[in-house]
N, C-alpha and C. Protein backbone atom coordinates (compact mmCIF):
# COMPACT_ATOMS: atom_id res chain seq x y z
N MET A 1 -47.38 36.57 -60.35
CA MET A 1 -46.73 35.99 -59.06
C MET A 1 -45.37 35.55 -59.55
N THR A 2 -44.48 35.63 -58.70
CA THR A 2 -43.06 35.23 -58.99
C THR A 2 -42.95 33.89 -58.46
N GLN A 3 -42.34 32.97 -59.34
CA GLN A 3 -42.10 31.60 -59.03
C GLN A 3 -40.84 31.48 -58.03
N PRO A 4 -40.87 30.52 -57.16
CA PRO A 4 -39.86 30.36 -56.24
C PRO A 4 -38.54 30.05 -56.93
N TYR A 5 -37.39 30.39 -56.46
CA TYR A 5 -36.13 30.09 -57.07
C TYR A 5 -35.93 28.49 -57.00
N ASP A 6 -35.55 28.01 -58.18
CA ASP A 6 -35.40 26.49 -58.45
C ASP A 6 -33.91 26.36 -58.82
N PRO A 7 -33.00 25.99 -58.10
CA PRO A 7 -31.57 25.88 -58.56
C PRO A 7 -31.42 24.96 -59.75
N ALA A 8 -32.41 23.99 -59.92
CA ALA A 8 -32.22 23.02 -61.06
C ALA A 8 -32.56 23.57 -62.31
N ARG A 9 -33.14 24.79 -62.26
CA ARG A 9 -33.44 25.52 -63.48
C ARG A 9 -32.46 26.65 -63.79
N ASP A 10 -31.71 26.95 -62.88
CA ASP A 10 -30.72 28.17 -62.92
C ASP A 10 -29.51 27.75 -63.89
N LEU A 11 -29.53 28.30 -65.14
CA LEU A 11 -28.39 27.85 -66.01
C LEU A 11 -27.10 28.43 -65.52
N GLU A 12 -27.06 29.50 -64.70
CA GLU A 12 -25.77 30.18 -64.20
C GLU A 12 -25.41 29.44 -62.81
N ALA A 13 -26.11 28.53 -62.42
CA ALA A 13 -25.81 27.82 -61.12
C ALA A 13 -24.34 27.19 -61.22
N MET A 14 -23.73 27.24 -60.22
CA MET A 14 -22.26 26.72 -60.04
C MET A 14 -22.41 25.32 -59.38
N LEU A 15 -22.12 24.21 -60.02
CA LEU A 15 -22.08 22.83 -59.61
C LEU A 15 -20.84 22.24 -59.01
N SER A 16 -20.76 21.51 -58.05
CA SER A 16 -19.55 20.74 -57.58
C SER A 16 -19.37 19.72 -58.57
N PRO A 17 -18.15 19.11 -58.53
CA PRO A 17 -17.73 18.03 -59.26
C PRO A 17 -18.88 16.80 -59.16
N ARG A 18 -19.26 16.58 -58.05
CA ARG A 18 -20.19 15.45 -57.76
C ARG A 18 -21.54 15.79 -58.44
N GLU A 19 -22.00 17.04 -58.27
CA GLU A 19 -23.24 17.49 -59.01
C GLU A 19 -23.12 17.37 -60.52
N ALA A 20 -21.83 17.92 -60.96
CA ALA A 20 -21.56 17.87 -62.47
C ALA A 20 -21.70 16.46 -63.06
N ALA A 21 -21.00 15.61 -62.31
CA ALA A 21 -20.99 14.25 -62.65
C ALA A 21 -22.22 13.59 -62.87
N ALA A 22 -23.05 13.88 -61.85
CA ALA A 22 -24.34 13.26 -61.77
C ALA A 22 -25.23 13.83 -63.13
N PHE A 23 -25.07 15.13 -63.28
CA PHE A 23 -25.82 15.86 -64.46
C PHE A 23 -25.31 15.29 -65.79
N LEU A 24 -24.00 14.93 -65.89
CA LEU A 24 -23.55 14.28 -67.13
C LEU A 24 -23.66 12.69 -67.18
N SER A 25 -24.12 12.21 -66.04
CA SER A 25 -24.28 10.69 -66.00
C SER A 25 -22.82 10.10 -66.10
N SER A 26 -21.87 10.63 -65.39
CA SER A 26 -20.41 10.33 -65.54
C SER A 26 -20.05 10.15 -63.98
N THR A 27 -18.76 10.08 -63.77
CA THR A 27 -18.27 10.15 -62.42
C THR A 27 -17.32 11.23 -62.02
N VAL A 28 -17.11 11.43 -60.78
CA VAL A 28 -15.99 12.51 -60.34
C VAL A 28 -14.73 12.31 -60.96
N ARG A 29 -14.38 10.93 -61.00
CA ARG A 29 -12.92 10.62 -61.39
C ARG A 29 -12.85 10.74 -62.81
N THR A 30 -13.94 10.60 -63.69
CA THR A 30 -13.87 10.89 -65.16
C THR A 30 -13.61 12.43 -65.28
N LEU A 31 -14.44 13.21 -64.50
CA LEU A 31 -14.26 14.69 -64.73
C LEU A 31 -12.90 15.21 -64.27
N GLU A 32 -12.29 14.57 -63.25
CA GLU A 32 -10.86 14.88 -62.99
C GLU A 32 -9.96 14.46 -63.98
N ALA A 33 -10.17 13.34 -64.59
CA ALA A 33 -9.22 12.78 -65.72
C ALA A 33 -9.34 13.82 -66.83
N TRP A 34 -10.51 14.17 -67.08
CA TRP A 34 -10.65 15.14 -68.31
C TRP A 34 -9.89 16.47 -68.01
N ARG A 35 -10.08 16.85 -66.70
CA ARG A 35 -9.37 18.33 -66.43
C ARG A 35 -7.90 18.08 -66.49
N ASN A 36 -7.30 17.02 -66.04
CA ASN A 36 -5.95 16.69 -66.21
C ASN A 36 -5.41 16.52 -67.61
N ARG A 37 -6.29 16.09 -68.45
CA ARG A 37 -5.86 15.87 -69.94
C ARG A 37 -6.34 17.17 -70.75
N GLY A 38 -7.08 18.17 -70.12
CA GLY A 38 -7.46 19.45 -70.81
C GLY A 38 -8.64 19.10 -71.81
N GLU A 39 -9.44 18.11 -71.33
CA GLU A 39 -10.59 17.74 -71.99
C GLU A 39 -11.86 18.04 -71.26
N GLY A 40 -12.89 17.65 -71.75
CA GLY A 40 -14.11 17.74 -70.93
C GLY A 40 -14.86 19.28 -71.15
N PRO A 41 -15.86 19.45 -70.13
CA PRO A 41 -16.54 20.83 -70.18
C PRO A 41 -15.67 21.77 -69.46
N PRO A 42 -15.90 23.20 -69.72
CA PRO A 42 -15.17 24.09 -69.10
C PRO A 42 -15.49 23.99 -67.61
N TYR A 43 -14.56 24.55 -66.89
CA TYR A 43 -14.70 24.55 -65.36
C TYR A 43 -14.05 25.74 -64.75
N TYR A 44 -14.42 25.98 -63.53
CA TYR A 44 -13.90 27.20 -62.65
C TYR A 44 -13.15 26.75 -61.53
N ARG A 45 -12.02 27.52 -61.13
CA ARG A 45 -11.23 26.92 -60.07
C ARG A 45 -11.14 28.21 -59.06
N PRO A 46 -12.07 28.36 -58.26
CA PRO A 46 -12.39 29.55 -57.43
C PRO A 46 -11.20 29.67 -56.28
N SER A 47 -10.61 28.45 -55.88
CA SER A 47 -9.41 28.46 -55.09
C SER A 47 -8.72 27.23 -55.44
N ALA A 48 -7.51 27.11 -54.94
CA ALA A 48 -6.62 25.92 -55.28
C ALA A 48 -7.18 24.60 -55.24
N ASN A 49 -8.13 24.32 -54.18
CA ASN A 49 -8.67 23.10 -54.04
C ASN A 49 -10.10 22.95 -54.33
N ARG A 50 -10.60 23.86 -55.01
CA ARG A 50 -12.14 23.75 -55.30
C ARG A 50 -12.28 23.91 -56.79
N VAL A 51 -13.14 23.15 -57.46
CA VAL A 51 -13.63 23.10 -58.74
C VAL A 51 -15.03 23.31 -58.99
N ARG A 52 -15.44 24.09 -59.85
CA ARG A 52 -17.03 24.29 -60.02
C ARG A 52 -17.31 24.35 -61.53
N TYR A 53 -18.50 23.85 -61.80
CA TYR A 53 -18.80 23.79 -63.13
C TYR A 53 -20.24 24.57 -63.41
N LYS A 54 -20.36 25.28 -64.46
CA LYS A 54 -21.57 26.07 -64.64
C LYS A 54 -22.49 25.25 -65.38
N ARG A 55 -23.80 25.23 -64.83
CA ARG A 55 -24.73 24.35 -65.57
C ARG A 55 -24.89 24.53 -67.13
N ARG A 56 -24.87 25.85 -67.46
CA ARG A 56 -24.95 26.31 -68.96
C ARG A 56 -23.83 25.56 -69.67
N ASP A 57 -22.55 25.62 -69.10
CA ASP A 57 -21.47 24.99 -69.80
C ASP A 57 -21.63 23.42 -70.02
N LEU A 58 -22.20 22.82 -68.97
CA LEU A 58 -22.57 21.42 -69.08
C LEU A 58 -23.46 21.10 -70.13
N ILE A 59 -24.42 21.87 -70.21
CA ILE A 59 -25.47 21.74 -71.26
C ILE A 59 -24.89 21.88 -72.75
N GLU A 60 -24.12 22.82 -72.83
CA GLU A 60 -23.36 23.24 -74.13
C GLU A 60 -22.41 22.13 -74.47
N TYR A 61 -21.80 21.39 -73.39
CA TYR A 61 -20.91 20.30 -73.69
C TYR A 61 -21.71 19.27 -74.12
N LEU A 62 -22.83 19.02 -73.62
CA LEU A 62 -23.62 17.82 -74.12
C LEU A 62 -24.15 18.08 -75.56
N GLU A 63 -24.51 19.20 -75.73
CA GLU A 63 -24.98 19.67 -77.07
C GLU A 63 -23.88 19.31 -78.19
N GLN A 64 -22.76 19.66 -77.81
CA GLN A 64 -21.53 19.47 -78.76
C GLN A 64 -21.42 18.02 -79.06
N SER A 65 -21.82 17.15 -78.19
CA SER A 65 -21.66 15.64 -78.50
C SER A 65 -22.86 15.11 -79.04
N ARG A 66 -23.74 15.87 -79.47
CA ARG A 66 -25.02 15.33 -80.08
C ARG A 66 -24.78 14.75 -81.38
N VAL A 67 -25.36 13.68 -81.60
CA VAL A 67 -25.25 12.88 -82.90
C VAL A 67 -26.70 12.81 -83.54
N THR A 68 -26.82 13.24 -84.73
CA THR A 68 -28.10 13.00 -85.41
C THR A 68 -27.81 11.97 -86.49
N PRO A 69 -28.60 10.80 -86.17
CA PRO A 69 -28.44 9.70 -87.09
C PRO A 69 -29.09 10.03 -88.52
N ARG A 70 -28.35 9.37 -89.49
CA ARG A 70 -28.90 9.50 -90.86
C ARG A 70 -29.91 8.45 -91.17
N ALA A 71 -30.85 8.56 -92.13
CA ALA A 71 -31.67 7.60 -92.34
C ALA A 71 -31.13 6.60 -93.29
N ALA A 72 -31.47 5.20 -93.00
CA ALA A 72 -30.81 4.24 -93.74
C ALA A 72 -31.17 4.31 -95.14
N ALA A 73 -30.24 3.92 -95.98
CA ALA A 73 -30.32 4.08 -97.62
C ALA A 73 -31.10 2.91 -98.02
């Protein structure tokens, strides 16, 4: 039996800045500032006034910032 489509599990889903900010526990303004500075996760600009983020890219961005603590000496 095929499971119903779940956009929350679709790694290729394109998210709006609002959705991406929620996913990253950030704000739309922070994402905008990162884009203006050339920082943050990769994004797509399908038209002059639209920005989209791929869920897979957001996950990879988070993984890059992962910190593994060392054991205390």
